[in-house]
Amino acid sequence: MPNIRLVLEYDGTDFHGWQRQPHLRTVQGIVEEALGQVSGEKFNLIGSGRTDTGVHAEGQVANFLTVARHSGATWRAAVNAHLPEDIVVVHADRVAEDFHARFDATGRTYRYSVLERETRSALYRRSAWVLQGRLDLQAMRRAAAFLRKHQDFTSFAAAGAPTENRIVDLRRIEIRRDRELLTFTFEADRFLWHMVRNLVGFLAEVGRGKVPPRETAQVLEARDRRRAGPIAPAQGLCLVAVSYPAATA
């Protein structure tokens, strides 16, 4: 049975997250509707992970099984013809029947955008967290160095999240500034619910001078969400890419 992989780009502002929900506009629900319009089948679209309400994606990966024999290029064009303007299939191809967008993933990369300016933004209002004043870039990078050395991220998991494995291989944190725009890039094997937004909220507190960088180790060791400060808003977060073993790429 053909198994089709999609790479999706979407503006998450007007979606109630990824997961299909009754009577709500979700990414999974909208794409499944478009797929059904193309071939008349009922689909179960599998995503690499669930993005929350307001979170964007440049490289969300999903797959579905179908009886249709269309090429990847045909699926891309046909599905895009039925999708709204805030979501698009940027790539489609046929993969092995046992490929699973979520379980086969070996890593994910997220980017979080912060705009440092005194006024609100007309252009970045849907895609960045607007903060007044300049954050201390070097202090945040020193705090990030502590984060990279750690594996238990209980302090940065969502409050009230169900008990789960809190060990994360955080492979990369980069913080860059281009004039008013700060970008935080995180790469890991997996992320806990709200982990990236919690990390950015904490790093912003460091950048404001409210938390010394050296206290990062204490916050991690506390395994207490209350020690890690506020959560950053959803609109600044974007799923950039999902990685897979070479055999499935």
Protein backbone atom coordinates (compact mmCIF):
# COMPACT_ATOMS: atom_id res chain seq x y z
CA MET A 1 0.00 0.00 0.00
CA PRO A 2 1.59 3.33 -0.97
CA ASN A 3 2.87 5.41 1.93
CA ILE A 4 3.20 9.12 1.18
CA ARG A 5 5.35 11.54 3.17
CA LEU A 6 4.51 15.23 3.25
CA VAL A 7 6.56 18.20 4.42
CA LEU A 8 4.20 20.93 5.58
CA GLU A 9 4.62 24.65 6.16
CA TYR A 10 1.96 26.55 8.08
CA ASP A 11 1.17 29.71 9.98
CA GLY A 12 -0.23 28.33 13.22
CA THR A 13 -2.00 31.52 14.32
CA ASP A 14 -5.50 30.48 13.30
CA PHE A 15 -5.14 26.76 14.04
CA HIS A 16 -6.02 25.07 17.33
CA GLY A 17 -2.77 23.13 17.12
CA TRP A 18 -1.93 20.04 15.12
CA GLN A 19 -4.23 17.34 16.50
CA ARG A 20 -7.66 16.77 15.02
CA GLN A 21 -10.43 18.02 17.35
CA PRO A 22 -14.20 18.10 16.82
CA HIS A 23 -15.53 21.47 15.63
CA LEU A 24 -12.08 23.11 15.78
CA ARG A 25 -9.75 24.15 12.96
CA THR A 26 -6.58 22.07 13.26
CA VAL A 27 -3.68 21.31 10.92
CA GLN A 28 -4.31 17.57 10.88
CA GLY A 29 -8.03 18.06 10.28
CA ILE A 30 -7.58 20.54 7.43
CA VAL A 31 -4.97 18.41 5.62
CA GLU A 32 -7.04 15.25 6.02
CA GLU A 33 -10.02 17.05 4.47
CA ALA A 34 -7.87 18.14 1.52
CA LEU A 35 -6.54 14.62 1.04
CA GLY A 36 -10.08 13.28 1.03
CA GLN A 37 -11.07 15.75 -1.64
CA VAL A 38 -8.24 14.50 -3.82
CA SER A 39 -8.93 10.76 -3.67
CA GLY A 40 -12.21 10.24 -1.80
CA GLU A 41 -10.57 8.12 0.91
CA LYS A 42 -10.77 8.56 4.67
CA PHE A 43 -7.26 9.37 5.94
CA ASN A 44 -5.35 9.15 9.17
CA LEU A 45 -2.51 11.64 8.83
CA ILE A 46 0.43 10.87 11.13
CA GLY A 47 2.51 13.87 12.19
CA SER A 48 6.05 13.92 13.52
CA GLY A 49 4.74 15.72 16.60
CA ARG A 50 1.95 17.95 17.82
CA THR A 51 2.40 21.69 17.56
CA ASP A 52 0.31 23.78 19.97
CA THR A 53 -2.18 26.51 19.17
CA GLY A 54 -0.37 29.44 17.54
CA VAL A 55 2.87 27.53 16.82
CA HIS A 56 4.17 27.57 13.25
CA ALA A 57 6.08 25.10 11.08
CA GLU A 58 8.47 25.26 8.17
CA GLY A 59 9.22 21.54 8.11
CA GLN A 60 6.50 19.52 9.81
CA VAL A 61 6.64 15.95 8.49
CA ALA A 62 3.59 13.73 8.12
CA ASN A 63 2.67 10.53 6.34
CA PHE A 64 -0.43 8.62 5.25
CA LEU A 65 -1.36 5.35 3.59
CA THR A 66 -3.46 5.40 0.43
CA VAL A 67 -4.82 3.14 -2.28
CA ALA A 68 -4.14 5.83 -4.89
CA ARG A 69 -1.07 5.50 -7.09
CA HIS A 70 -0.32 9.18 -7.58
CA SER A 71 3.27 10.43 -7.66
CA GLY A 72 4.58 12.69 -4.93
CA ALA A 73 4.45 15.68 -7.27
CA THR A 74 0.81 14.95 -8.09
CA TRP A 75 -0.12 14.69 -4.42
CA ARG A 76 1.61 17.99 -3.69
CA ALA A 77 -0.16 19.88 -6.45
CA ALA A 78 -3.55 18.29 -5.86
CA VAL A 79 -3.58 18.73 -2.08
CA ASN A 80 -2.34 22.32 -2.30
CA ALA A 81 -5.27 23.10 -4.59
CA HIS A 82 -7.60 22.29 -1.67
CA LEU A 83 -5.65 23.90 1.18
CA PRO A 84 -6.18 27.41 2.61
CA GLU A 85 -3.49 30.05 2.23
CA ASP A 86 -2.01 29.53 5.72
CA ILE A 87 -0.86 25.97 5.02
CA VAL A 88 1.00 24.38 2.12
CA VAL A 89 2.62 21.09 1.16
CA VAL A 90 6.19 22.01 0.20
CA HIS A 91 7.29 18.45 -0.63
CA ALA A 92 5.71 15.03 -1.10
CA ASP A 93 7.27 11.67 -1.89
CA ARG A 94 6.60 7.96 -1.61
CA VAL A 95 8.41 6.16 1.21
CA ALA A 96 8.60 2.62 2.58
CA GLU A 97 5.28 1.25 3.80
CA ASP A 98 6.58 0.97 7.37
CA PHE A 99 7.79 4.59 7.56
CA HIS A 100 6.26 6.43 10.53
CA ALA A 101 6.66 10.21 10.72
CA ARG A 102 6.70 10.25 14.52
CA PHE A 103 8.34 7.01 15.63
CA ASP A 104 11.12 7.05 13.00
CA ALA A 105 12.21 10.61 13.79
CA THR A 106 15.67 10.93 15.33
CA GLY A 107 15.71 14.67 15.96
CA ARG A 108 13.77 17.91 15.75
CA THR A 109 14.85 21.52 15.34
CA TYR A 110 12.85 24.49 16.60
CA ARG A 111 13.45 28.20 16.18
CA TYR A 112 12.08 30.85 18.51
CA SER A 113 12.02 34.51 17.42
CA VAL A 114 12.14 37.53 19.72
CA LEU A 115 11.84 41.10 18.44
CA GLU A 116 13.61 43.66 20.65
CA ARG A 117 11.87 46.98 20.14
CA GLU A 118 9.91 49.65 21.98
CA THR A 119 6.77 49.46 19.84
CA ARG A 120 4.50 46.69 18.74
CA SER A 121 5.23 45.17 15.33
CA ALA A 122 2.92 45.17 12.34
CA LEU A 123 5.04 42.60 10.48
CA TYR A 124 6.10 40.23 13.27
CA ARG A 125 2.94 40.23 15.38
CA ARG A 126 2.12 36.64 14.35
CA SER A 127 5.65 35.25 14.32
CA ALA A 128 7.71 36.76 17.16
CA TRP A 129 7.57 37.69 20.81
CA VAL A 130 7.99 41.46 21.01
CA LEU A 131 10.04 42.56 24.04
CA GLN A 132 10.99 46.09 25.00
CA GLY A 133 14.68 46.73 25.57
CA ARG A 134 17.78 44.70 24.75
CA LEU A 135 18.50 41.33 26.31
CA ASP A 136 22.04 40.48 27.43
CA LEU A 137 23.13 38.11 24.67
CA GLN A 138 26.33 36.94 26.38
CA ALA A 139 24.53 36.18 29.66
CA MET A 140 21.97 34.06 27.81
CA ARG A 141 24.72 32.20 25.98
CA ARG A 142 26.42 31.43 29.30
CA ALA A 143 23.13 30.07 30.64
CA ALA A 144 22.68 28.03 27.47
CA ALA A 145 26.05 26.37 28.10
CA PHE A 146 24.65 24.95 31.36
CA LEU A 147 21.56 23.71 29.54
CA ARG A 148 23.60 21.84 26.94
CA LYS A 149 25.42 19.90 29.65
CA HIS A 150 22.20 18.62 31.22
CA GLN A 151 19.75 15.85 30.31
CA ASP A 152 16.92 15.94 32.87
CA PHE A 153 14.63 18.79 31.85
CA THR A 154 11.86 18.29 34.39
CA SER A 155 12.11 21.97 35.37
CA PHE A 156 11.26 22.93 31.79
CA ALA A 157 8.38 20.53 31.18
CA ALA A 158 4.85 21.91 31.13
CA ALA A 159 3.25 22.36 34.54
CA GLY A 160 0.75 19.58 35.13
CA ALA A 161 2.11 17.44 32.30
CA PRO A 162 1.68 13.69 32.89
CA THR A 163 4.66 11.85 34.32
CA GLU A 164 6.97 10.78 31.54
CA ASN A 165 10.59 10.34 30.68
CA ARG A 166 12.13 13.80 31.14
CA ILE A 167 15.55 12.91 29.69
CA VAL A 168 16.35 14.92 26.56
CA ASP A 169 19.49 14.92 24.42
CA LEU A 170 19.72 18.67 23.79
CA ARG A 171 22.26 18.68 20.99
CA ARG A 172 22.37 22.35 20.06
CA ILE A 173 21.36 25.77 21.34
CA GLU A 174 22.25 28.81 19.28
CA ILE A 175 21.29 32.39 20.10
CA ARG A 176 21.89 34.99 17.40
CA ARG A 177 21.04 38.66 16.98
CA ASP A 178 20.40 40.42 13.68
CA ARG A 179 19.61 44.05 14.49
CA GLU A 180 16.28 43.89 16.36
CA LEU A 181 15.67 40.19 15.82
CA LEU A 182 16.92 37.53 18.24
CA THR A 183 16.65 33.90 17.19
CA PHE A 184 16.98 30.92 19.51
CA THR A 185 17.60 27.59 17.76
CA PHE A 186 17.17 24.31 19.64
CA GLU A 187 17.96 20.84 18.31
CA ALA A 188 17.31 17.64 20.27
CA ASP A 189 16.24 14.04 19.88
CA ARG A 190 12.87 14.99 21.40
CA PHE A 191 11.25 17.84 23.31
CA LEU A 192 8.95 17.81 26.29
CA TRP A 193 5.59 19.56 26.12
CA HIS A 194 6.19 23.36 26.21
CA MET A 195 9.92 22.76 26.74
CA VAL A 196 11.19 25.21 24.12
CA ARG A 197 8.84 27.98 25.20
CA ASN A 198 9.82 27.42 28.83
CA LEU A 199 13.51 27.53 27.93
CA VAL A 200 13.09 30.80 26.04
CA GLY A 201 11.08 32.32 28.90
CA PHE A 202 13.86 31.42 31.30
CA LEU A 203 16.63 32.67 29.02
CA ALA A 204 14.78 35.96 28.61
CA GLU A 205 14.81 36.35 32.40
CA VAL A 206 18.57 35.79 32.32
CA GLY A 207 18.87 38.32 29.51
CA ARG A 208 16.94 40.87 31.55
CA GLY A 209 19.35 40.42 34.45
CA LYS A 210 16.74 38.86 36.73
CA VAL A 211 18.52 35.48 36.94
CA PRO A 212 22.34 35.08 36.98
CA PRO A 213 23.53 32.58 34.35
CA ARG A 214 25.20 30.42 37.02
CA GLU A 215 21.80 29.75 38.63
CA THR A 216 20.81 27.73 35.56
CA ALA A 217 22.40 24.62 37.07
CA GLN A 218 20.39 25.06 40.28
CA VAL A 219 17.15 25.45 38.33
CA LEU A 220 17.85 22.25 36.40
CA GLU A 221 18.78 20.29 39.51
CA ALA A 222 15.62 21.44 41.32
CA ARG A 223 13.40 19.49 38.88
CA ASP A 224 10.68 22.02 39.65
CA ARG A 225 8.79 23.91 36.94
CA ARG A 226 8.17 26.81 39.35
CA ARG A 227 11.90 27.56 39.45
CA ALA A 228 12.20 28.12 35.68
CA GLY A 229 10.19 31.31 35.31
CA PRO A 230 7.53 32.31 32.76
CA ILE A 231 6.61 30.59 29.52
CA ALA A 232 7.24 32.46 26.27
CA PRO A 233 4.16 33.01 24.07
CA ALA A 234 3.34 30.58 21.28
CA GLN A 235 3.62 32.89 18.27
CA GLY A 236 7.42 33.04 18.36
CA LEU A 237 7.87 29.28 17.98
CA CYS A 238 8.42 27.45 14.69
CA LEU A 239 9.17 23.78 13.97
CA VAL A 240 12.01 24.10 11.45
CA ALA A 241 12.93 20.52 10.60
CA VAL A 242 12.59 16.87 11.55
CA SER A 243 15.47 14.44 10.97
CA TYR A 244 15.37 10.74 10.12
CA PRO A 245 17.88 7.93 9.61
CA ALA A 246 19.53 7.97 6.21
CA ALA A 247 17.65 4.82 5.21
CA THR A 248 14.32 6.67 5.46
CA ALA A 249 15.44 10.10 4.18
